[in-house]
């Protein structure tokens, strides 16, 4: 993660894929939510994670549980 932080500070664009809400909040200014390769939402991190949590709550088959563990 430190390498990613360094690249981010240098203004580089990164594609960061994770199911860790903490890591996404720390690393991202914007987030996208996909389901089976289909873009469901592209926007702010908080709104994207709220939509992700709604998928989990709804028991969406392809959604993974929200974790705070390692990336």
N, C-alpha and C. Protein backbone atom coordinates (compact mmCIF):
# COMPACT_ATOMS: atom_id res chain seq x y z
N UNK A 1 0.82 -1.20 0.00
CA UNK A 1 0.00 0.00 0.00
C UNK A 1 0.86 1.26 0.00
N UNK A 2 2.03 1.19 0.60
CA UNK A 2 2.87 2.39 0.64
C UNK A 2 3.29 2.81 -0.77
N UNK A 3 3.59 1.84 -1.62
CA UNK A 3 3.94 2.15 -3.01
C UNK A 3 2.77 2.85 -3.71
N UNK A 4 1.56 2.37 -3.47
CA UNK A 4 0.38 3.01 -4.06
C UNK A 4 0.21 4.43 -3.54
N UNK A 5 0.43 4.62 -2.25
CA UNK A 5 0.33 5.98 -1.66
C UNK A 5 1.35 6.92 -2.30
N UNK A 6 2.57 6.42 -2.52
CA UNK A 6 3.62 7.24 -3.14
C UNK A 6 3.22 7.64 -4.55
N UNK A 7 2.73 6.69 -5.32
CA UNK A 7 2.30 6.99 -6.69
C UNK A 7 1.15 8.00 -6.69
N UNK A 8 0.24 7.84 -5.76
CA UNK A 8 -0.90 8.77 -5.66
C UNK A 8 -0.42 10.18 -5.34
N UNK A 9 0.52 10.31 -4.41
CA UNK A 9 1.07 11.63 -4.07
C UNK A 9 1.74 12.28 -5.27
N UNK A 10 2.28 11.47 -6.16
CA UNK A 10 2.94 11.98 -7.38
C UNK A 10 1.93 12.32 -8.48
N UNK A 11 0.65 12.14 -8.19
CA UNK A 11 -0.38 12.50 -9.17
C UNK A 11 -0.66 11.45 -10.22
N UNK A 12 -0.22 10.24 -9.99
CA UNK A 12 -0.45 9.15 -10.95
C UNK A 12 -1.88 8.64 -10.84
N UNK A 13 -2.41 8.17 -11.94
CA UNK A 13 -3.72 7.55 -11.96
C UNK A 13 -3.55 6.06 -11.70
N UNK A 14 -4.33 5.55 -10.74
CA UNK A 14 -4.25 4.15 -10.36
C UNK A 14 -5.60 3.49 -10.47
N UNK A 15 -5.60 2.23 -10.85
CA UNK A 15 -6.81 1.42 -10.80
C UNK A 15 -6.63 0.50 -9.60
N UNK A 16 -7.42 0.74 -8.57
CA UNK A 16 -7.31 0.01 -7.31
C UNK A 16 -8.58 -0.81 -7.14
N UNK A 17 -8.44 -2.13 -7.07
CA UNK A 17 -9.59 -3.02 -6.95
C UNK A 17 -9.56 -3.66 -5.57
N UNK A 18 -10.66 -3.50 -4.81
CA UNK A 18 -10.68 -4.05 -3.47
C UNK A 18 -12.12 -4.18 -2.98
N UNK A 19 -12.32 -5.11 -2.05
CA UNK A 19 -13.59 -5.23 -1.35
C UNK A 19 -13.45 -4.65 0.06
N UNK A 20 -12.29 -4.10 0.38
CA UNK A 20 -12.05 -3.50 1.69
C UNK A 20 -12.50 -2.04 1.68
N UNK A 21 -13.56 -1.75 2.41
CA UNK A 21 -14.08 -0.38 2.43
C UNK A 21 -13.06 0.60 3.00
N UNK A 22 -12.32 0.18 4.01
CA UNK A 22 -11.30 1.06 4.59
C UNK A 22 -10.22 1.41 3.58
N UNK A 23 -9.75 0.43 2.84
CA UNK A 23 -8.71 0.67 1.84
C UNK A 23 -9.24 1.57 0.73
N UNK A 24 -10.45 1.36 0.30
CA UNK A 24 -11.03 2.19 -0.75
C UNK A 24 -11.15 3.63 -0.26
N UNK A 25 -11.63 3.82 0.96
CA UNK A 25 -11.74 5.18 1.51
C UNK A 25 -10.38 5.86 1.60
N UNK A 26 -9.36 5.10 1.98
CA UNK A 26 -8.02 5.68 2.14
C UNK A 26 -7.38 6.01 0.80
N UNK A 27 -7.57 5.15 -0.19
CA UNK A 27 -6.81 5.27 -1.43
C UNK A 27 -7.52 6.01 -2.55
N UNK A 28 -8.83 6.17 -2.47
CA UNK A 28 -9.57 6.63 -3.64
C UNK A 28 -10.28 7.97 -3.44
N UNK A 29 -10.33 8.73 -4.52
CA UNK A 29 -11.12 9.96 -4.59
C UNK A 29 -12.45 9.71 -5.28
N UNK A 30 -12.51 8.63 -6.01
CA UNK A 30 -13.67 8.26 -6.82
C UNK A 30 -13.72 6.75 -6.87
N UNK A 31 -14.92 6.19 -7.03
CA UNK A 31 -15.04 4.73 -7.07
C UNK A 31 -16.09 4.30 -8.09
N UNK A 32 -15.91 3.10 -8.59
CA UNK A 32 -16.85 2.50 -9.52
C UNK A 32 -17.34 1.18 -8.90
N UNK A 33 -18.59 0.88 -9.14
CA UNK A 33 -19.19 -0.37 -8.66
C UNK A 33 -19.58 -1.20 -9.88
N UNK A 34 -19.03 -2.41 -9.95
CA UNK A 34 -19.31 -3.32 -11.06
C UNK A 34 -20.03 -4.56 -10.57
N UNK A 35 -20.81 -5.15 -11.43
CA UNK A 35 -21.44 -6.44 -11.17
C UNK A 35 -21.37 -7.25 -12.45
N UNK A 36 -20.67 -8.37 -12.39
CA UNK A 36 -20.48 -9.22 -13.57
C UNK A 36 -19.99 -8.42 -14.78
N UNK A 37 -19.05 -7.51 -14.54
CA UNK A 37 -18.48 -6.72 -15.62
C UNK A 37 -19.33 -5.55 -16.07
N UNK A 38 -20.48 -5.36 -15.46
CA UNK A 38 -21.38 -4.27 -15.83
C UNK A 38 -21.23 -3.14 -14.82
N UNK A 39 -20.99 -1.93 -15.32
CA UNK A 39 -20.86 -0.77 -14.44
C UNK A 39 -22.21 -0.40 -13.87
N UNK A 40 -22.31 -0.42 -12.53
CA UNK A 40 -23.55 -0.04 -11.85
C UNK A 40 -23.52 1.40 -11.39
N UNK A 41 -22.33 1.90 -11.02
CA UNK A 41 -22.23 3.26 -10.51
C UNK A 41 -20.79 3.76 -10.63
N UNK A 42 -20.63 5.04 -10.91
CA UNK A 42 -19.33 5.69 -10.99
C UNK A 42 -19.49 7.05 -10.34
N UNK A 43 -18.79 7.26 -9.22
CA UNK A 43 -18.94 8.54 -8.54
C UNK A 43 -18.15 8.60 -7.26
N UNK A 44 -18.66 9.33 -6.30
CA UNK A 44 -17.98 9.52 -5.03
C UNK A 44 -17.84 8.22 -4.26
N UNK A 45 -16.80 8.16 -3.46
CA UNK A 45 -16.47 6.95 -2.70
C UNK A 45 -17.60 6.59 -1.74
N UNK A 46 -18.08 7.55 -0.96
CA UNK A 46 -19.12 7.24 0.04
C UNK A 46 -20.39 6.71 -0.62
N UNK A 47 -20.82 7.34 -1.70
CA UNK A 47 -22.03 6.88 -2.39
C UNK A 47 -21.82 5.50 -3.00
N UNK A 48 -20.65 5.26 -3.57
CA UNK A 48 -20.36 3.95 -4.17
C UNK A 48 -20.38 2.86 -3.10
N UNK A 49 -19.74 3.13 -1.94
CA UNK A 49 -19.72 2.14 -0.88
C UNK A 49 -21.11 1.92 -0.28
N UNK A 50 -21.93 2.95 -0.24
CA UNK A 50 -23.31 2.79 0.22
C UNK A 50 -24.09 1.89 -0.73
N UNK A 51 -23.89 2.07 -2.00
CA UNK A 51 -24.57 1.21 -2.99
C UNK A 51 -24.06 -0.22 -2.89
N UNK A 52 -22.76 -0.37 -2.66
CA UNK A 52 -22.17 -1.70 -2.47
C UNK A 52 -22.78 -2.38 -1.25
N UNK A 53 -22.89 -1.65 -0.15
CA UNK A 53 -23.49 -2.20 1.07
C UNK A 53 -24.94 -2.59 0.83
N UNK A 54 -25.67 -1.81 0.03
CA UNK A 54 -27.05 -2.16 -0.30
C UNK A 54 -27.13 -3.47 -1.08
N UNK A 55 -26.17 -3.71 -1.96
CA UNK A 55 -26.13 -4.98 -2.69
C UNK A 55 -25.93 -6.14 -1.72
N UNK A 56 -25.02 -5.94 -0.77
CA UNK A 56 -24.75 -6.98 0.23
C UNK A 56 -26.01 -7.25 1.05
N UNK A 57 -26.64 -6.18 1.52
CA UNK A 57 -27.84 -6.29 2.36
C UNK A 57 -28.97 -6.99 1.60
N UNK A 58 -29.06 -6.70 0.32
CA UNK A 58 -30.12 -7.30 -0.50
C UNK A 58 -29.82 -8.76 -0.84
N UNK A 59 -28.63 -9.24 -0.45
CA UNK A 59 -28.27 -10.63 -0.72
C UNK A 59 -27.93 -10.88 -2.17
N UNK A 60 -27.41 -9.87 -2.83
CA UNK A 60 -27.05 -9.99 -4.24
C UNK A 60 -26.03 -11.11 -4.41
N UNK A 61 -26.29 -12.02 -5.32
CA UNK A 61 -25.49 -13.24 -5.45
C UNK A 61 -24.03 -13.00 -5.77
N UNK A 62 -23.72 -11.97 -6.56
CA UNK A 62 -22.32 -11.78 -6.97
C UNK A 62 -21.56 -10.86 -6.04
N UNK A 63 -22.22 -10.24 -5.09
CA UNK A 63 -21.55 -9.31 -4.19
C UNK A 63 -20.76 -10.06 -3.14
N UNK A 64 -19.64 -9.49 -2.75
CA UNK A 64 -18.80 -10.06 -1.71
C UNK A 64 -19.02 -9.28 -0.43
N UNK A 65 -18.79 -9.90 0.73
CA UNK A 65 -18.99 -9.18 1.97
C UNK A 65 -18.02 -8.02 2.12
N UNK A 66 -18.48 -6.96 2.72
CA UNK A 66 -17.64 -5.80 3.01
C UNK A 66 -16.73 -6.16 4.16
N UNK A 67 -15.42 -6.01 3.96
CA UNK A 67 -14.48 -6.37 5.01
C UNK A 67 -13.55 -5.21 5.29
N UNK A 68 -12.97 -5.22 6.45
CA UNK A 68 -11.99 -4.21 6.82
C UNK A 68 -10.60 -4.84 6.91
N UNK A 69 -10.46 -6.02 6.36
CA UNK A 69 -9.20 -6.76 6.46
C UNK A 69 -8.19 -6.32 5.42
N UNK A 70 -7.12 -7.11 5.25
CA UNK A 70 -6.06 -6.78 4.30
C UNK A 70 -6.60 -6.69 2.88
N UNK A 71 -5.93 -5.90 2.10
CA UNK A 71 -6.32 -5.70 0.70
C UNK A 71 -5.80 -6.84 -0.13
